[in-house]
């Protein structure tokens, strides 16, 4: 799965928790092609709203994030992912 497809899947899965301003911001970043920033922003919003993600999406995001070890915000994104797990 491409990074772009993953980012759009995440946006589509979480859009119900976006405010109108979030929607504009997220889709502008996605449209500009900055998928890493978009995923970070979407996960931040979803974690704040306590939105739960499906397990297959969480797994895909974890695998994607493994290619960004040491990148800015990598540890923050991992913390967001841990908050979005359905227990």
PDB file of N, CA and C in Angstrom:
ATOM      1  N   UNK A   1       0.856  -1.178   0.000  1.00  0.00           N
ATOM      2  CA  UNK A   1       0.000   0.000   0.000  1.00  0.00           C
ATOM      3  C   UNK A   1       0.897   1.233   0.000  1.00  0.00           C
ATOM      4  N   UNK A   2       0.547   2.196  -0.795  1.00  0.00           N
ATOM      5  CA  UNK A   2       1.354   3.415  -0.848  1.00  0.00           C
ATOM      6  C   UNK A   2       1.086   4.289   0.381  1.00  0.00           C
ATOM      7  N   UNK A   3       2.039   5.145   0.667  1.00  0.00           N
ATOM      8  CA  UNK A   3       1.905   6.078   1.784  1.00  0.00           C
ATOM      9  C   UNK A   3       0.701   6.996   1.565  1.00  0.00           C
ATOM     10  N   UNK A   4       0.492   7.409   0.338  1.00  0.00           N
ATOM     11  CA  UNK A   4      -0.640   8.284   0.021  1.00  0.00           C
ATOM     12  C   UNK A   4      -1.962   7.575   0.285  1.00  0.00           C
ATOM     13  N   UNK A   5      -2.067   6.331  -0.155  1.00  0.00           N
ATOM     14  CA  UNK A   5      -3.291   5.555   0.078  1.00  0.00           C
ATOM     15  C   UNK A   5      -3.551   5.385   1.567  1.00  0.00           C
ATOM     16  N   UNK A   6      -2.501   5.104   2.311  1.00  0.00           N
ATOM     17  CA  UNK A   6      -2.630   4.950   3.761  1.00  0.00           C
ATOM     18  C   UNK A   6      -3.117   6.245   4.412  1.00  0.00           C
ATOM     19  N   UNK A   7      -2.547   7.358   4.024  1.00  0.00           N
ATOM     20  CA  UNK A   7      -2.937   8.651   4.602  1.00  0.00           C
ATOM     21  C   UNK A   7      -4.398   8.980   4.298  1.00  0.00           C
ATOM     22  N   UNK A   8      -4.834   8.717   3.072  1.00  0.00           N
ATOM     23  CA  UNK A   8      -6.238   8.970   2.719  1.00  0.00           C
ATOM     24  C   UNK A   8      -7.167   8.012   3.446  1.00  0.00           C
ATOM     25  N   UNK A   9      -6.757   6.767   3.622  1.00  0.00           N
ATOM     26  CA  UNK A   9      -7.555   5.794   4.377  1.00  0.00           C
ATOM     27  C   UNK A   9      -7.726   6.285   5.810  1.00  0.00           C
ATOM     28  N   UNK A  10      -6.649   6.766   6.408  1.00  0.00           N
ATOM     29  CA  UNK A  10      -6.718   7.302   7.766  1.00  0.00           C
ATOM     30  C   UNK A  10      -7.656   8.504   7.826  1.00  0.00           C
ATOM     31  N   UNK A  11      -7.537   9.401   6.866  1.00  0.00           N
ATOM     32  CA  UNK A  11      -8.406  10.592   6.846  1.00  0.00           C
ATOM     33  C   UNK A  11      -9.873  10.187   6.704  1.00  0.00           C
ATOM     34  N   UNK A  12     -10.155   9.270   5.814  1.00  0.00           N
ATOM     35  CA  UNK A  12     -11.534   8.822   5.618  1.00  0.00           C
ATOM     36  C   UNK A  12     -12.098   8.137   6.863  1.00  0.00           C
ATOM     37  N   UNK A  13     -11.258   7.411   7.577  1.00  0.00           N
ATOM     38  CA  UNK A  13     -11.685   6.683   8.771  1.00  0.00           C
ATOM     39  C   UNK A  13     -11.943   7.616   9.952  1.00  0.00           C
ATOM     40  N   UNK A  14     -11.248   8.739   9.997  1.00  0.00           N
ATOM     41  CA  UNK A  14     -11.335   9.627  11.162  1.00  0.00           C
ATOM     42  C   UNK A  14     -12.095  10.921  10.902  1.00  0.00           C
ATOM     43  N   UNK A  15     -12.548  11.143   9.691  1.00  0.00           N
ATOM     44  CA  UNK A  15     -13.139  12.452   9.353  1.00  0.00           C
ATOM     45  C   UNK A  15     -14.318  12.848  10.220  1.00  0.00           C
ATOM     46  N   UNK A  16     -15.008  11.882  10.810  1.00  0.00           N
ATOM     47  CA  UNK A  16     -16.146  12.219  11.671  1.00  0.00           C
ATOM     48  C   UNK A  16     -15.730  12.984  12.924  1.00  0.00           C
ATOM     49  N   UNK A  17     -14.462  12.911  13.298  1.00  0.00           N
ATOM     50  CA  UNK A  17     -14.033  13.628  14.501  1.00  0.00           C
ATOM     51  C   UNK A  17     -13.368  14.975  14.163  1.00  0.00           C
ATOM     52  N   UNK A  18     -13.351  15.367  12.879  1.00  0.00           N
ATOM     53  CA  UNK A  18     -12.749  16.645  12.477  1.00  0.00           C
ATOM     54  C   UNK A  18     -13.736  17.791  12.651  1.00  0.00           C
ATOM     55  N   UNK A  19     -13.237  18.888  13.153  1.00  0.00           N
ATOM     56  CA  UNK A  19     -14.015  20.128  13.118  1.00  0.00           C
ATOM     57  C   UNK A  19     -13.942  20.644  11.680  1.00  0.00           C
ATOM     58  N   UNK A  20     -14.745  21.632  11.325  1.00  0.00           N
ATOM     59  CA  UNK A  20     -14.628  22.199   9.969  1.00  0.00           C
ATOM     60  C   UNK A  20     -13.214  22.718   9.682  1.00  0.00           C
ATOM     61  N   UNK A  21     -12.574  23.312  10.680  1.00  0.00           N
ATOM     62  CA  UNK A  21     -11.211  23.816  10.495  1.00  0.00           C
ATOM     63  C   UNK A  21     -10.228  22.660  10.298  1.00  0.00           C
ATOM     64  N   UNK A  22     -10.407  21.590  11.085  1.00  0.00           N
ATOM     65  CA  UNK A  22      -9.561  20.402  10.932  1.00  0.00           C
ATOM     66  C   UNK A  22      -9.682  19.847   9.515  1.00  0.00           C
ATOM     67  N   UNK A  23     -10.911  19.782   9.032  1.00  0.00           N
ATOM     68  CA  UNK A  23     -11.155  19.242   7.694  1.00  0.00           C
ATOM     69  C   UNK A  23     -10.379  20.026   6.647  1.00  0.00           C
ATOM     70  N   UNK A  24     -10.473  21.336   6.712  1.00  0.00           N
ATOM     71  CA  UNK A  24      -9.738  22.178   5.753  1.00  0.00           C
ATOM     72  C   UNK A  24      -8.238  21.955   5.862  1.00  0.00           C
ATOM     73  N   UNK A  25      -7.737  21.951   7.075  1.00  0.00           N
ATOM     74  CA  UNK A  25      -6.292  21.786   7.292  1.00  0.00           C
ATOM     75  C   UNK A  25      -5.795  20.423   6.815  1.00  0.00           C
ATOM     76  N   UNK A  26      -6.484  19.371   7.224  1.00  0.00           N
ATOM     77  CA  UNK A  26      -6.053  18.011   6.897  1.00  0.00           C
ATOM     78  C   UNK A  26      -6.062  17.784   5.396  1.00  0.00           C
ATOM     79  N   UNK A  27      -7.148  18.154   4.745  1.00  0.00           N
ATOM     80  CA  UNK A  27      -7.236  17.888   3.312  1.00  0.00           C
ATOM     81  C   UNK A  27      -6.328  18.803   2.497  1.00  0.00           C
ATOM     82  N   UNK A  28      -6.015  19.965   3.017  1.00  0.00           N
ATOM     83  CA  UNK A  28      -5.034  20.826   2.340  1.00  0.00           C
ATOM     84  C   UNK A  28      -3.644  20.196   2.391  1.00  0.00           C
ATOM     85  N   UNK A  29      -3.274  19.669   3.539  1.00  0.00           N
ATOM     86  CA  UNK A  29      -1.967  19.021   3.688  1.00  0.00           C
ATOM     87  C   UNK A  29      -1.911  17.750   2.833  1.00  0.00           C
ATOM     88  N   UNK A  30      -2.987  16.974   2.853  1.00  0.00           N
ATOM     89  CA  UNK A  30      -3.038  15.781   2.006  1.00  0.00           C
ATOM     90  C   UNK A  30      -2.948  16.146   0.529  1.00  0.00           C
ATOM     91  N   UNK A  31      -3.695  17.146   0.142  1.00  0.00           N
ATOM     92  CA  UNK A  31      -3.685  17.581  -1.257  1.00  0.00           C
ATOM     93  C   UNK A  31      -2.326  18.093  -1.701  1.00  0.00           C
ATOM     94  N   UNK A  32      -1.582  18.658  -0.758  1.00  0.00           N
ATOM     95  CA  UNK A  32      -0.238  19.154  -1.075  1.00  0.00           C
ATOM     96  C   UNK A  32       0.772  18.008  -1.153  1.00  0.00           C
ATOM     97  N   UNK A  33       0.351  16.819  -0.753  1.00  0.00           N
ATOM     98  CA  UNK A  33       1.215  15.656  -0.849  1.00  0.00           C
ATOM     99  C   UNK A  33       2.127  15.411   0.337  1.00  0.00           C
ATOM    100  N   UNK A  34       1.932  16.142   1.424  1.00  0.00           N
ATOM    101  CA  UNK A  34       2.770  15.948   2.613  1.00  0.00           C
ATOM    102  C   UNK A  34       2.106  14.909   3.509  1.00  0.00           C
ATOM    103  N   UNK A  35       2.224  13.658   3.117  1.00  0.00           N
ATOM    104  CA  UNK A  35       1.507  12.595   3.819  1.00  0.00           C
ATOM    105  C   UNK A  35       1.988  12.388   5.248  1.00  0.00           C
ATOM    106  N   UNK A  36       3.288  12.532   5.485  1.00  0.00           N
ATOM    107  CA  UNK A  36       3.808  12.358   6.844  1.00  0.00           C
ATOM    108  C   UNK A  36       3.181  13.387   7.781  1.00  0.00           C
ATOM    109  N   UNK A  37       3.162  14.644   7.366  1.00  0.00           N
ATOM    110  CA  UNK A  37       2.562  15.699   8.182  1.00  0.00           C
ATOM    111  C   UNK A  37       1.065  15.473   8.349  1.00  0.00           C
ATOM    112  N   UNK A  38       0.406  15.006   7.299  1.00  0.00           N
ATOM    113  CA  UNK A  38      -1.032  14.752   7.374  1.00  0.00           C
ATOM    114  C   UNK A  38      -1.339  13.644   8.367  1.00  0.00           C
ATOM    115  N   UNK A  39      -0.587  12.550   8.310  1.00  0.00           N
ATOM    116  CA  UNK A  39      -0.808  11.445   9.249  1.00  0.00           C
ATOM    117  C   UNK A  39      -0.586  11.927  10.677  1.00  0.00           C
ATOM    118  N   UNK A  40       0.479  12.674  10.886  1.00  0.00           N
ATOM    119  CA  UNK A  40       0.749  13.210  12.231  1.00  0.00           C
ATOM    120  C   UNK A  40      -0.424  14.062  12.714  1.00  0.00           C
ATOM    121  N   UNK A  41      -0.882  14.959  11.866  1.00  0.00           N
ATOM    122  CA  UNK A  41      -1.978  15.859  12.227  1.00  0.00           C
ATOM    123  C   UNK A  41      -3.267  15.079  12.486  1.00  0.00           C
ATOM    124  N   UNK A  42      -3.589  14.128  11.630  1.00  0.00           N
ATOM    125  CA  UNK A  42      -4.818  13.347  11.793  1.00  0.00           C
ATOM    126  C   UNK A  42      -4.780  12.542  13.091  1.00  0.00           C
ATOM    127  N   UNK A  43      -3.647  11.899  13.360  1.00  0.00           N
ATOM    128  CA  UNK A  43      -3.546  11.103  14.586  1.00  0.00           C
ATOM    129  C   UNK A  43      -3.632  11.977  15.828  1.00  0.00           C
ATOM    130  N   UNK A  44      -3.089  13.168  15.760  1.00  0.00           N
ATOM    131  CA  UNK A  44      -3.189  14.092  16.888  1.00  0.00           C
ATOM    132  C   UNK A  44      -4.658  14.426  17.164  1.00  0.00           C
ATOM    133  N   UNK A  45      -5.397  14.731  16.115  1.00  0.00           N
ATOM    134  CA  UNK A  45      -6.821  15.049  16.268  1.00  0.00           C
ATOM    135  C   UNK A  45      -7.580  13.839  16.808  1.00  0.00           C
ATOM    136  N   UNK A  46      -7.341  12.681  16.210  1.00  0.00           N
ATOM    137  CA  UNK A  46      -8.052  11.464  16.616  1.00  0.00           C
ATOM    138  C   UNK A  46      -7.749  11.103  18.073  1.00  0.00           C
ATOM    139  N   UNK A  47      -6.494  11.263  18.488  1.00  0.00           N
ATOM    140  CA  UNK A  47      -6.125  10.951  19.875  1.00  0.00           C
ATOM    141  C   UNK A  47      -6.810  11.915  20.837  1.00  0.00           C
ATOM    142  N   UNK A  48      -6.871  13.188  20.470  1.00  0.00           N
ATOM    143  CA  UNK A  48      -7.541  14.170  21.331  1.00  0.00           C
ATOM    144  C   UNK A  48      -9.022  13.848  21.482  1.00  0.00           C
ATOM    145  N   UNK A  49      -9.626  13.347  20.420  1.00  0.00           N
ATOM    146  CA  UNK A  49     -11.060  13.033  20.440  1.00  0.00           C
ATOM    147  C   UNK A  49     -11.339  11.603  20.910  1.00  0.00           C
ATOM    148  N   UNK A  50     -10.256  10.867  21.248  1.00  0.00           N
ATOM    149  CA  UNK A  50     -10.385   9.476  21.706  1.00  0.00           C
ATOM    150  C   UNK A  50     -11.082   8.589  20.665  1.00  0.00           C
ATOM    151  N   UNK A  51     -10.789   8.855  19.410  1.00  0.00           N
ATOM    152  CA  UNK A  51     -11.326   8.070  18.306  1.00  0.00           C
ATOM    153  C   UNK A  51     -10.580   6.743  18.238  1.00  0.00           C
ATOM    154  N   UNK A  52     -11.284   5.663  18.043  1.00  0.00           N
ATOM    155  CA  UNK A  52     -10.677   4.335  17.972  1.00  0.00           C
ATOM    156  C   UNK A  52     -10.521   3.950  16.501  1.00  0.00           C
ATOM    157  N   UNK A  53      -9.340   3.419  16.166  1.00  0.00           N
ATOM    158  CA  UNK A  53      -9.080   2.999  14.792  1.00  0.00           C
ATOM    159  C   UNK A  53      -9.205   1.494  14.657  1.00  0.00           C
ATOM    160  N   UNK A  54      -9.607   1.022  13.485  1.00  0.00           N
ATOM    161  CA  UNK A  54      -9.652  -0.425  13.265  1.00  0.00           C
ATOM    162  C   UNK A  54      -8.253  -1.030  13.342  1.00  0.00           C
ATOM    163  N   UNK A  55      -8.188  -2.242  13.799  1.00  0.00           N
ATOM    164  CA  UNK A  55      -6.893  -2.898  14.000  1.00  0.00           C
ATOM    165  C   UNK A  55      -6.070  -2.963  12.718  1.00  0.00           C
ATOM    166  N   UNK A  56      -6.695  -3.264  11.583  1.00  0.00           N
ATOM    167  CA  UNK A  56      -5.922  -3.376  10.345  1.00  0.00           C
ATOM    168  C   UNK A  56      -5.299  -2.038   9.943  1.00  0.00           C
ATOM    169  N   UNK A  57      -5.956  -0.947  10.247  1.00  0.00           N
ATOM    170  CA  UNK A  57      -5.384   0.369   9.974  1.00  0.00           C
ATOM    171  C   UNK A  57      -4.232   0.656  10.933  1.00  0.00           C
ATOM    172  N   UNK A  58      -4.397   0.311  12.204  1.00  0.00           N
ATOM    173  CA  UNK A  58      -3.317   0.500  13.173  1.00  0.00           C
ATOM    174  C   UNK A  58      -2.071  -0.298  12.790  1.00  0.00           C
ATOM    175  N   UNK A  59      -2.279  -1.528  12.343  1.00  0.00           N
ATOM    176  CA  UNK A  59      -1.154  -2.360  11.922  1.00  0.00           C
ATOM    177  C   UNK A  59      -0.458  -1.718  10.727  1.00  0.00           C
ATOM    178  N   UNK A  60      -1.229  -1.278   9.749  1.00  0.00           N
ATOM    179  CA  UNK A  60      -0.655  -0.635   8.559  1.00  0.00           C
ATOM    180  C   UNK A  60       0.115   0.623   8.939  1.00  0.00           C
ATOM    181  N   UNK A  61      -0.429   1.408   9.854  1.00  0.00           N
ATOM    182  CA  UNK A  61       0.258   2.625  10.295  1.00  0.00           C
ATOM    183  C   UNK A  61       1.550   2.300  11.038  1.00  0.00           C
ATOM    184  N   UNK A  62       1.516   1.268  11.865  1.00  0.00           N
ATOM    185  CA  UNK A  62       2.724   0.854  12.581  1.00  0.00           C
ATOM    186  C   UNK A  62       3.823   0.421  11.621  1.00  0.00           C
ATOM    187  N   UNK A  63       3.458  -0.347  10.604  1.00  0.00           N
ATOM    188  CA  UNK A  63       4.437  -0.779   9.602  1.00  0.00           C
ATOM    189  C   UNK A  63       4.984   0.417   8.823  1.00  0.00           C
ATOM    190  N   UNK A  64       4.108   1.335   8.458  1.00  0.00           N
ATOM    191  CA  UNK A  64       4.515   2.552   7.754  1.00  0.00           C
ATOM    192  C   UNK A  64       5.493   3.349   8.618  1.00  0.00           C
ATOM    193  N   UNK A  65       5.176   3.495   9.895  1.00  0.00           N
ATOM    194  CA  UNK A  65       6.000   4.305  10.782  1.00  0.00           C
ATOM    195  C   UNK A  65       7.373   3.683  11.011  1.00  0.00           C
ATOM    196  N   UNK A  66       7.475   2.378  10.878  1.00  0.00           N
ATOM    197  CA  UNK A  66       8.777   1.731  11.025  1.00  0.00           C
ATOM    198  C   UNK A  66       9.795   2.248  10.013  1.00  0.00           C
ATOM    199  N   UNK A  67       9.333   2.762   8.896  1.00  0.00           N
ATOM    200  CA  UNK A  67      10.265   3.312   7.899  1.00  0.00           C
ATOM    201  C   UNK A  67      10.691   4.739   8.248  1.00  0.00           C
ATOM    202  N   UNK A  68      10.148   5.295   9.322  1.00  0.00           N
ATOM    203  CA  UNK A  68      10.477   6.652   9.740  1.00  0.00           C
ATOM    204  C   UNK A  68      11.163   6.694  11.109  1.00  0.00           C
ATOM    205  N   UNK A  69      11.809   5.615  11.493  1.00  0.00           N
ATOM    206  CA  UNK A  69      12.506   5.584  12.783  1.00  0.00           C
ATOM    207  C   UNK A  69      13.511   6.725  12.832  1.00  0.00           C
ATOM    208  N   UNK A  70      13.431   7.514  13.885  1.00  0.00           N
ATOM    209  CA  UNK A  70      14.323   8.653  14.063  1.00  0.00           C
ATOM    210  C   UNK A  70      13.840   9.944  13.433  1.00  0.00           C
ATOM    211  N   UNK A  71      12.745   9.883  12.706  1.00  0.00           N
ATOM    212  CA  UNK A  71      12.207  11.089  12.061  1.00  0.00           C
ATOM    213  C   UNK A  71      11.565  11.999  13.109  1.00  0.00           C
ATOM    214  N   UNK A  72      11.459  13.292  12.774  1.00  0.00           N
ATOM    215  CA  UNK A  72      10.761  14.197  13.693  1.00  0.00           C
ATOM    216  C   UNK A  72       9.336  13.679  13.955  1.00  0.00           C
ATOM    217  N   UNK A  73       8.920  13.734  15.155  1.00  0.00           N
ATOM    218  CA  UNK A  73       7.571  13.354  15.594  1.00  0.00           C
ATOM    219  C   UNK A  73       7.311  11.852  15.587  1.00  0.00           C
ATOM    220  N   UNK A  74       8.301  11.022  15.250  1.00  0.00           N
ATOM    221  CA  UNK A  74       8.068   9.574  15.203  1.00  0.00           C
ATOM    222  C   UNK A  74       7.576   9.048  16.552  1.00  0.00           C
ATOM    223  N   UNK A  75       8.228   9.418  17.631  1.00  0.00           N
ATOM    224  CA  UNK A  75       7.820   8.935  18.955  1.00  0.00           C
ATOM    225  C   UNK A  75       6.444   9.469  19.345  1.00  0.00           C
ATOM    226  N   UNK A  76       6.156  10.697  18.970  1.00  0.00           N
ATOM    227  CA  UNK A  76       4.835  11.271  19.252  1.00  0.00           C
ATOM    228  C   UNK A  76       3.756  10.498  18.500  1.00  0.00           C
ATOM    229  N   UNK A  77       4.024  10.179  17.237  1.00  0.00           N
ATOM    230  CA  UNK A  77       3.060   9.421  16.442  1.00  0.00           C
ATOM    231  C   UNK A  77       2.847   8.038  17.058  1.00  0.00           C
ATOM    232  N   UNK A  78       3.906   7.421  17.538  1.00  0.00           N
ATOM    233  CA  UNK A  78       3.762   6.106  18.197  1.00  0.00           C
ATOM    234  C   UNK A  78       2.869   6.220  19.443  1.00  0.00           C
ATOM    235  N   UNK A  79       3.028   7.298  20.197  1.00  0.00           N
ATOM    236  CA  UNK A  79       2.167   7.495  21.377  1.00  0.00           C
ATOM    237  C   UNK A  79       0.703   7.671  20.955  1.00  0.00           C
ATOM    238  N   UNK A  80       0.482   8.436  19.879  1.00  0.00           N
ATOM    239  CA  UNK A  80      -0.895   8.585  19.384  1.00  0.00           C
ATOM    240  C   UNK A  80      -1.478   7.232  18.993  1.00  0.00           C
ATOM    241  N   UNK A  81      -0.695   6.428  18.285  1.00  0.00           N
ATOM    242  CA  UNK A  81      -1.181   5.117  17.865  1.00  0.00           C
ATOM    243  C   UNK A  81      -1.557   4.260  19.066  1.00  0.00           C
ATOM    244  N   UNK A  82      -0.758   4.335  20.114  1.00  0.00           N
ATOM    245  CA  UNK A  82      -1.058   3.518  21.300  1.00  0.00           C
ATOM    246  C   UNK A  82      -2.349   3.957  21.980  1.00  0.00           C
ATOM    247  N   UNK A  83      -2.740   5.208  21.805  1.00  0.00           N
ATOM    248  CA  UNK A  83      -3.997   5.699  22.401  1.00  0.00           C
ATOM    249  C   UNK A  83      -5.221   5.302  21.590  1.00  0.00           C
ATOM    250  N   UNK A  84      -5.011   4.943  20.335  1.00  0.00           N
ATOM    251  CA  UNK A  84      -6.131   4.702  19.424  1.00  0.00           C
ATOM    252  C   UNK A  84      -6.482   3.232  19.261  1.00  0.00           C
ATOM    253  N   UNK A  85      -5.906   2.398  20.106  1.00  0.00           N
ATOM    254  CA  UNK A  85      -6.135   0.963  20.050  1.00  0.00           C
ATOM    255  C   UNK A  85      -7.421   0.628  20.794  1.00  0.00           C
ATOM    256  N   UNK A  86      -8.253  -0.173  20.176  1.00  0.00           N
ATOM    257  CA  UNK A  86      -9.461  -0.647  20.844  1.00  0.00           C
ATOM    258  C   UNK A  86      -9.066  -1.749  21.809  1.00  0.00           C
ATOM    259  N   UNK A  87      -9.439  -1.597  23.040  1.00  0.00           N
ATOM    260  CA  UNK A  87      -9.071  -2.582  24.058  1.00  0.00           C
ATOM    261  C   UNK A  87     -10.197  -3.559  24.299  1.00  0.00           C
TER     262      UNK A  87
END
